[in-house]
C-alpha atoms as a PDB file:
ATOM      1  CA  UNK A   1      57.331 -13.292  51.029  1.00  0.00           C
ATOM      2  CA  UNK A   2      56.341 -13.448  55.498  1.00  0.00           C
ATOM      3  CA  UNK A   3      54.180 -16.633  56.352  1.00  0.00           C
ATOM      4  CA  UNK A   4      50.870 -14.286  58.304  1.00  0.00           C
ATOM      5  CA  UNK A   5      47.615 -15.217  58.786  1.00  0.00           C
ATOM      6  CA  UNK A   6      45.911 -18.249  57.178  1.00  0.00           C
ATOM      7  CA  UNK A   7      44.892 -19.021  53.757  1.00  0.00           C
ATOM      8  CA  UNK A   8      41.412 -21.103  53.180  1.00  0.00           C
ATOM      9  CA  UNK A   9      41.557 -22.585  49.607  1.00  0.00           C
ATOM     10  CA  UNK A  10      37.942 -24.231  48.317  1.00  0.00           C
ATOM     11  CA  UNK A  11      39.123 -25.666  45.261  1.00  0.00           C
ATOM     12  CA  UNK A  12      36.515 -27.884  42.420  1.00  0.00           C
ATOM     13  CA  UNK A  13      35.322 -28.349  39.593  1.00  0.00           C
ATOM     14  CA  UNK A  14      32.792 -26.190  37.636  1.00  0.00           C
ATOM     15  CA  UNK A  15      29.487 -25.861  38.769  1.00  0.00           C
ATOM     16  CA  UNK A  16      30.271 -27.793  42.251  1.00  0.00           C
ATOM     17  CA  UNK A  17      29.226 -24.450  43.759  1.00  0.00           C
ATOM     18  CA  UNK A  18      32.201 -23.472  45.332  1.00  0.00           C
ATOM     19  CA  UNK A  19      31.880 -19.817  44.656  1.00  0.00           C
ATOM     20  CA  UNK A  20      28.327 -19.115  46.480  1.00  0.00           C
ATOM     21  CA  UNK A  21      30.531 -21.276  49.641  1.00  0.00           C
ATOM     22  CA  UNK A  22      33.137 -18.427  49.673  1.00  0.00           C
ATOM     23  CA  UNK A  23      30.607 -15.376  48.919  1.00  0.00           C
ATOM     24  CA  UNK A  24      29.128 -16.536  51.619  1.00  0.00           C
ATOM     25  CA  UNK A  25      31.917 -17.264  54.659  1.00  0.00           C
ATOM     26  CA  UNK A  26      33.119 -13.778  53.329  1.00  0.00           C
ATOM     27  CA  UNK A  27      29.986 -12.130  54.507  1.00  0.00           C
ATOM     28  CA  UNK A  28      30.621 -14.050  58.188  1.00  0.00           C
ATOM     29  CA  UNK A  29      33.154 -11.361  59.374  1.00  0.00           C
ATOM     30  CA  UNK A  30      33.473 -13.948  62.686  1.00  0.00           C
ATOM     31  CA  UNK A  31      36.100 -15.565  59.585  1.00  0.00           C
ATOM     32  CA  UNK A  32      38.067 -12.404  59.138  1.00  0.00           C
ATOM     33  CA  UNK A  33      38.469 -12.740  55.281  1.00  0.00           C
ATOM     34  CA  UNK A  34      39.094 -11.140  52.776  1.00  0.00           C
ATOM     35  CA  UNK A  35      39.151 -12.362  49.122  1.00  0.00           C
ATOM     36  CA  UNK A  36      41.978 -13.276  47.215  1.00  0.00           C
ATOM     37  CA  UNK A  37      41.782 -11.987  43.456  1.00  0.00           C
ATOM     38  CA  UNK A  38      43.749 -14.113  41.290  1.00  0.00           C
ATOM     39  CA  UNK A  39      44.442 -12.947  37.426  1.00  0.00           C
ATOM     40  CA  UNK A  40      43.990 -13.992  34.459  1.00  0.00           C
ATOM     41  CA  UNK A  41      44.833 -13.786  31.088  1.00  0.00           C
ATOM     42  CA  UNK A  42      41.058 -14.812  29.678  1.00  0.00           C
ATOM     43  CA  UNK A  43      38.889 -12.006  28.327  1.00  0.00           C
ATOM     44  CA  UNK A  44      36.315 -11.016  30.842  1.00  0.00           C
ATOM     45  CA  UNK A  45      33.004 -12.537  30.810  1.00  0.00           C
ATOM     46  CA  UNK A  46      29.911 -10.773  31.392  1.00  0.00           C
ATOM     47  CA  UNK A  47      30.187  -8.073  34.052  1.00  0.00           C
ATOM     48  CA  UNK A  48      33.077  -9.361  35.886  1.00  0.00           C
ATOM     49  CA  UNK A  49      34.656  -5.938  37.280  1.00  0.00           C
ATOM     50  CA  UNK A  50      38.775  -5.916  36.857  1.00  0.00           C
ATOM     51  CA  UNK A  51      40.436  -5.776  40.031  1.00  0.00           C
ATOM     52  CA  UNK A  52      37.053  -7.089  41.940  1.00  0.00           C
ATOM     53  CA  UNK A  53      36.284 -10.575  40.020  1.00  0.00           C
ATOM     54  CA  UNK A  54      40.031 -10.937  38.515  1.00  0.00           C
ATOM     55  CA  UNK A  55      43.044  -8.676  37.380  1.00  0.00           C
ATOM     56  CA  UNK A  56      42.262  -9.028  33.104  1.00  0.00           C
ATOM     57  CA  UNK A  57      46.111  -9.442  31.862  1.00  0.00           C
ATOM     58  CA  UNK A  58      47.121  -9.900  28.411  1.00  0.00           C
ATOM     59  CA  UNK A  59      48.621 -12.523  27.827  1.00  0.00           C
ATOM     60  CA  UNK A  60      52.072 -10.662  27.046  1.00  0.00           C
ATOM     61  CA  UNK A  61      51.711  -9.385  30.755  1.00  0.00           C
ATOM     62  CA  UNK A  62      51.311 -13.113  32.649  1.00  0.00           C
ATOM     63  CA  UNK A  63      53.793 -14.206  31.539  1.00  0.00           C
ATOM     64  CA  UNK A  64      56.009 -11.276  32.018  1.00  0.00           C
ATOM     65  CA  UNK A  65      54.540 -11.782  35.610  1.00  0.00           C
ATOM     66  CA  UNK A  66      56.025 -15.373  35.727  1.00  0.00           C
ATOM     67  CA  UNK A  67      59.370 -14.297  34.324  1.00  0.00           C
ATOM     68  CA  UNK A  68      59.683 -12.100  37.305  1.00  0.00           C
ATOM     69  CA  UNK A  69      58.473 -15.231  39.758  1.00  0.00           C
ATOM     70  CA  UNK A  70      55.864 -12.232  40.848  1.00  0.00           C
ATOM     71  CA  UNK A  71      53.057 -15.146  41.151  1.00  0.00           C
ATOM     72  CA  UNK A  72      53.016 -17.787  44.830  1.00  0.00           C
ATOM     73  CA  UNK A  73      50.734 -20.574  42.078  1.00  0.00           C
ATOM     74  CA  UNK A  74      49.520 -20.480  37.998  1.00  0.00           C
ATOM     75  CA  UNK A  75      49.096 -22.510  34.945  1.00  0.00           C
ATOM     76  CA  UNK A  76      47.346 -22.690  32.009  1.00  0.00           C
ATOM     77  CA  UNK A  77      43.719 -23.954  32.672  1.00  0.00           C
ATOM     78  CA  UNK A  78      42.245 -23.785  29.609  1.00  0.00           C
ATOM     79  CA  UNK A  79      44.536 -23.363  26.382  1.00  0.00           C
ATOM     80  CA  UNK A  80      45.757 -20.073  26.596  1.00  0.00           C
ATOM     81  CA  UNK A  81      44.233 -18.881  29.713  1.00  0.00           C
ATOM     82  CA  UNK A  82      46.131 -18.207  32.111  1.00  0.00           C
ATOM     83  CA  UNK A  83      45.799 -17.585  35.913  1.00  0.00           C
ATOM     84  CA  UNK A  84      48.174 -17.296  39.301  1.00  0.00           C
ATOM     85  CA  UNK A  85      48.163 -15.913  42.938  1.00  0.00           C
ATOM     86  CA  UNK A  86      49.711 -13.053  42.737  1.00  0.00           C
ATOM     87  CA  UNK A  87      52.018 -12.512  45.854  1.00  0.00           C
ATOM     88  CA  UNK A  88      50.984  -9.008  46.666  1.00  0.00           C
ATOM     89  CA  UNK A  89      47.624 -10.132  46.969  1.00  0.00           C
ATOM     90  CA  UNK A  90      48.189 -12.267  49.210  1.00  0.00           C
ATOM     91  CA  UNK A  91      50.122  -9.911  51.317  1.00  0.00           C
ATOM     92  CA  UNK A  92      48.079  -7.208  51.109  1.00  0.00           C
ATOM     93  CA  UNK A  93      45.551  -9.574  53.019  1.00  0.00           C
ATOM     94  CA  UNK A  94      47.794  -9.908  55.745  1.00  0.00           C
ATOM     95  CA  UNK A  95      48.255  -6.694  56.460  1.00  0.00           C
ATOM     96  CA  UNK A  96      45.294  -5.876  56.376  1.00  0.00           C
ATOM     97  CA  UNK A  97      44.762  -8.443  59.353  1.00  0.00           C
ATOM     98  CA  UNK A  98      42.624 -10.610  57.805  1.00  0.00           C
ATOM     99  CA  UNK A  99      42.959 -14.120  56.166  1.00  0.00           C
ATOM    100  CA  UNK A 100      42.790 -14.870  52.721  1.00  0.00           C
ATOM    101  CA  UNK A 101      39.835 -16.776  51.243  1.00  0.00           C
ATOM    102  CA  UNK A 102      40.528 -18.447  47.628  1.00  0.00           C
ATOM    103  CA  UNK A 103      37.999 -19.596  44.253  1.00  0.00           C
ATOM    104  CA  UNK A 104      40.615 -21.464  43.052  1.00  0.00           C
ATOM    105  CA  UNK A 105      41.020 -24.906  40.094  1.00  0.00           C
ATOM    106  CA  UNK A 106      42.764 -27.617  41.517  1.00  0.00           C
ATOM    107  CA  UNK A 107      46.005 -27.432  40.830  1.00  0.00           C
ATOM    108  CA  UNK A 108      46.807 -24.432  42.117  1.00  0.00           C
ATOM    109  CA  UNK A 109      44.100 -24.689  45.584  1.00  0.00           C
ATOM    110  CA  UNK A 110      46.943 -27.971  45.795  1.00  0.00           C
ATOM    111  CA  UNK A 111      50.006 -25.862  45.128  1.00  0.00           C
ATOM    112  CA  UNK A 112      49.104 -23.277  47.663  1.00  0.00           C
ATOM    113  CA  UNK A 113      49.233 -26.353  49.868  1.00  0.00           C
ATOM    114  CA  UNK A 114      51.993 -27.769  49.254  1.00  0.00           C
ATOM    115  CA  UNK A 115      53.660 -24.051  49.544  1.00  0.00           C
ATOM    116  CA  UNK A 116      52.361 -23.284  52.754  1.00  0.00           C
ATOM    117  CA  UNK A 117      51.178 -26.618  54.755  1.00  0.00           C
ATOM    118  CA  UNK A 118      50.344 -25.470  58.140  1.00  0.00           C
ATOM    119  CA  UNK A 119      48.694 -21.905  57.169  1.00  0.00           C
ATOM    120  CA  UNK A 120      46.474 -23.801  54.574  1.00  0.00           C
ATOM    121  CA  UNK A 121      42.850 -25.440  54.577  1.00  0.00           C
ATOM    122  CA  UNK A 122      41.939 -26.884  51.442  1.00  0.00           C
ATOM    123  CA  UNK A 123      38.097 -27.488  50.872  1.00  0.00           C
ATOM    124  CA  UNK A 124      37.449 -29.531  47.603  1.00  0.00           C
ATOM    125  CA  UNK A 125      33.781 -28.448  47.624  1.00  0.00           C
ATOM    126  CA  UNK A 126      32.598 -31.752  45.283  1.00  0.00           C
ATOM    127  CA  UNK A 127      28.761 -31.309  43.524  1.00  0.00           C
ATOM    128  CA  UNK A 128      26.306 -34.927  44.503  1.00  0.00           C
ATOM    129  CA  UNK A 129      27.152 -36.091  40.784  1.00  0.00           C
ATOM    130  CA  UNK A 130      28.392 -34.637  37.242  1.00  0.00           C
ATOM    131  CA  UNK A 131      25.046 -34.829  35.910  1.00  0.00           C
ATOM    132  CA  UNK A 132      24.199 -32.069  38.667  1.00  0.00           C
ATOM    133  CA  UNK A 133      26.973 -30.320  37.741  1.00  0.00           C
ATOM    134  CA  UNK A 134      26.320 -30.202  34.091  1.00  0.00           C
ATOM    135  CA  UNK A 135      23.090 -28.994  34.796  1.00  0.00           C
ATOM    136  CA  UNK A 136      24.174 -26.139  37.218  1.00  0.00           C
ATOM    137  CA  UNK A 137      26.361 -24.957  34.015  1.00  0.00           C
ATOM    138  CA  UNK A 138      23.980 -24.857  32.060  1.00  0.00           C
ATOM    139  CA  UNK A 139      21.729 -23.441  34.434  1.00  0.00           C
ATOM    140  CA  UNK A 140      24.270 -20.565  34.625  1.00  0.00           C
ATOM    141  CA  UNK A 141      24.501 -19.743  30.775  1.00  0.00           C
ATOM    142  CA  UNK A 142      27.561 -18.294  30.744  1.00  0.00           C
ATOM    143  CA  UNK A 143      28.912 -20.755  28.569  1.00  0.00           C
ATOM    144  CA  UNK A 144      27.977 -22.344  24.994  1.00  0.00           C
ATOM    145  CA  UNK A 145      27.476 -25.763  24.837  1.00  0.00           C
ATOM    146  CA  UNK A 146      31.425 -26.536  23.411  1.00  0.00           C
ATOM    147  CA  UNK A 147      32.752 -24.926  26.774  1.00  0.00           C
ATOM    148  CA  UNK A 148      30.541 -27.068  29.276  1.00  0.00           C
ATOM    149  CA  UNK A 149      31.965 -30.396  27.466  1.00  0.00           C
ATOM    150  CA  UNK A 150      35.117 -29.228  28.325  1.00  0.00           C
ATOM    151  CA  UNK A 151      34.558 -28.197  31.281  1.00  0.00           C
ATOM    152  CA  UNK A 152      32.421 -31.423  32.279  1.00  0.00           C
ATOM    153  CA  UNK A 153      35.654 -33.499  30.873  1.00  0.00           C
ATOM    154  CA  UNK A 154      37.984 -31.269  33.028  1.00  0.00           C
ATOM    155  CA  UNK A 155      35.655 -31.978  36.156  1.00  0.00           C
ATOM    156  CA  UNK A 156      36.726 -35.271  35.508  1.00  0.00           C
ATOM    157  CA  UNK A 157      40.123 -35.759  35.863  1.00  0.00           C
ATOM    158  CA  UNK A 158      39.737 -32.427  38.875  1.00  0.00           C
ATOM    159  CA  UNK A 159      37.636 -35.097  40.824  1.00  0.00           C
ATOM    160  CA  UNK A 160      40.760 -37.357  40.736  1.00  0.00           C
ATOM    161  CA  UNK A 161      42.688 -35.063  42.789  1.00  0.00           C
ATOM    162  CA  UNK A 162      39.791 -34.619  45.878  1.00  0.00           C
ATOM    163  CA  UNK A 163      41.380 -36.821  47.589  1.00  0.00           C
ATOM    164  CA  UNK A 164      44.180 -35.159  48.218  1.00  0.00           C
ATOM    165  CA  UNK A 165      42.995 -31.737  50.177  1.00  0.00           C
ATOM    166  CA  UNK A 166      41.744 -32.017  53.953  1.00  0.00           C
ATOM    167  CA  UNK A 167      38.418 -32.026  53.670  1.00  0.00           C
ATOM    168  CA  UNK A 168      36.121 -33.454  51.051  1.00  0.00           C
ATOM    169  CA  UNK A 169      32.486 -30.664  51.172  1.00  0.00           C
ATOM    170  CA  UNK A 170      29.848 -32.508  49.089  1.00  0.00           C
ATOM    171  CA  UNK A 171      27.708 -29.630  48.093  1.00  0.00           C
ATOM    172  CA  UNK A 172      24.121 -31.730  47.959  1.00  0.00           C
ATOM    173  CA  UNK A 173      22.192 -28.775  49.427  1.00  0.00           C
ATOM    174  CA  UNK A 174      23.392 -25.678  49.642  1.00  0.00           C
ATOM    175  CA  UNK A 175      22.510 -24.295  52.997  1.00  0.00           C
ATOM    176  CA  UNK A 176      23.694 -27.486  54.996  1.00  0.00           C
ATOM    177  CA  UNK A 177      27.142 -27.227  53.716  1.00  0.00           C
ATOM    178  CA  UNK A 178      27.508 -23.283  53.160  1.00  0.00           C
ATOM    179  CA  UNK A 179      27.212 -24.005  57.537  1.00  0.00           C
ATOM    180  CA  UNK A 180      29.550 -27.277  57.168  1.00  0.00           C
ATOM    181  CA  UNK A 181      32.446 -24.772  55.539  1.00  0.00           C
ATOM    182  CA  UNK A 182      31.774 -22.610  58.480  1.00  0.00           C
ATOM    183  CA  UNK A 183      32.230 -25.088  61.403  1.00  0.00           C
ATOM    184  CA  UNK A 184      35.219 -25.641  58.942  1.00  0.00           C
ATOM    185  CA  UNK A 185      37.313 -22.541  58.735  1.00  0.00           C
ATOM    186  CA  UNK A 186      35.693 -21.330  62.156  1.00  0.00           C
ATOM    187  CA  UNK A 187      37.296 -24.425  63.895  1.00  0.00           C
ATOM    188  CA  UNK A 188      40.986 -24.032  61.582  1.00  0.00           C
ATOM    189  CA  UNK A 189      41.718 -20.251  61.653  1.00  0.00           C
ATOM    190  CA  UNK A 190      41.166 -20.402  65.654  1.00  0.00           C
END
């Protein structure tokens, strides 16, 4: 895979606000970003669209891509729910002359940083507290109680990786976090 543009990684536990920040940055034309659509073996949720939110693959299709070496990174995030970044997705964005922005889990984000250390800015988005994160998850109304508990438990593990990222961005005020994220990305892509 040829190396071209910059890679901007946003990782965080669920409920930290990373997706909201990434969507804000995608609207900032000065940053010349395009979104890396992850592949997943999990079923669609709500109004998600294949090829826009994720590339939804069957477990068998996902495993075939793994065997062929088609992923930059992949992992089993939850039991039988695999997520990964396809090499051709990053190449698609670089061919457009754009920088790639990722909204990706913590392990996947660090994996990209390790593979492309000079080209990657890895930002860990953190909510002010686990309680606030749980409140945000409940407010989204997308997960059952069991799933929320699973996400909170996972978040406690993920927070231990924050120190391995280039920057820890605390999202206690969305507007401030979005401006900080913009400034970080702008400085990095120069």
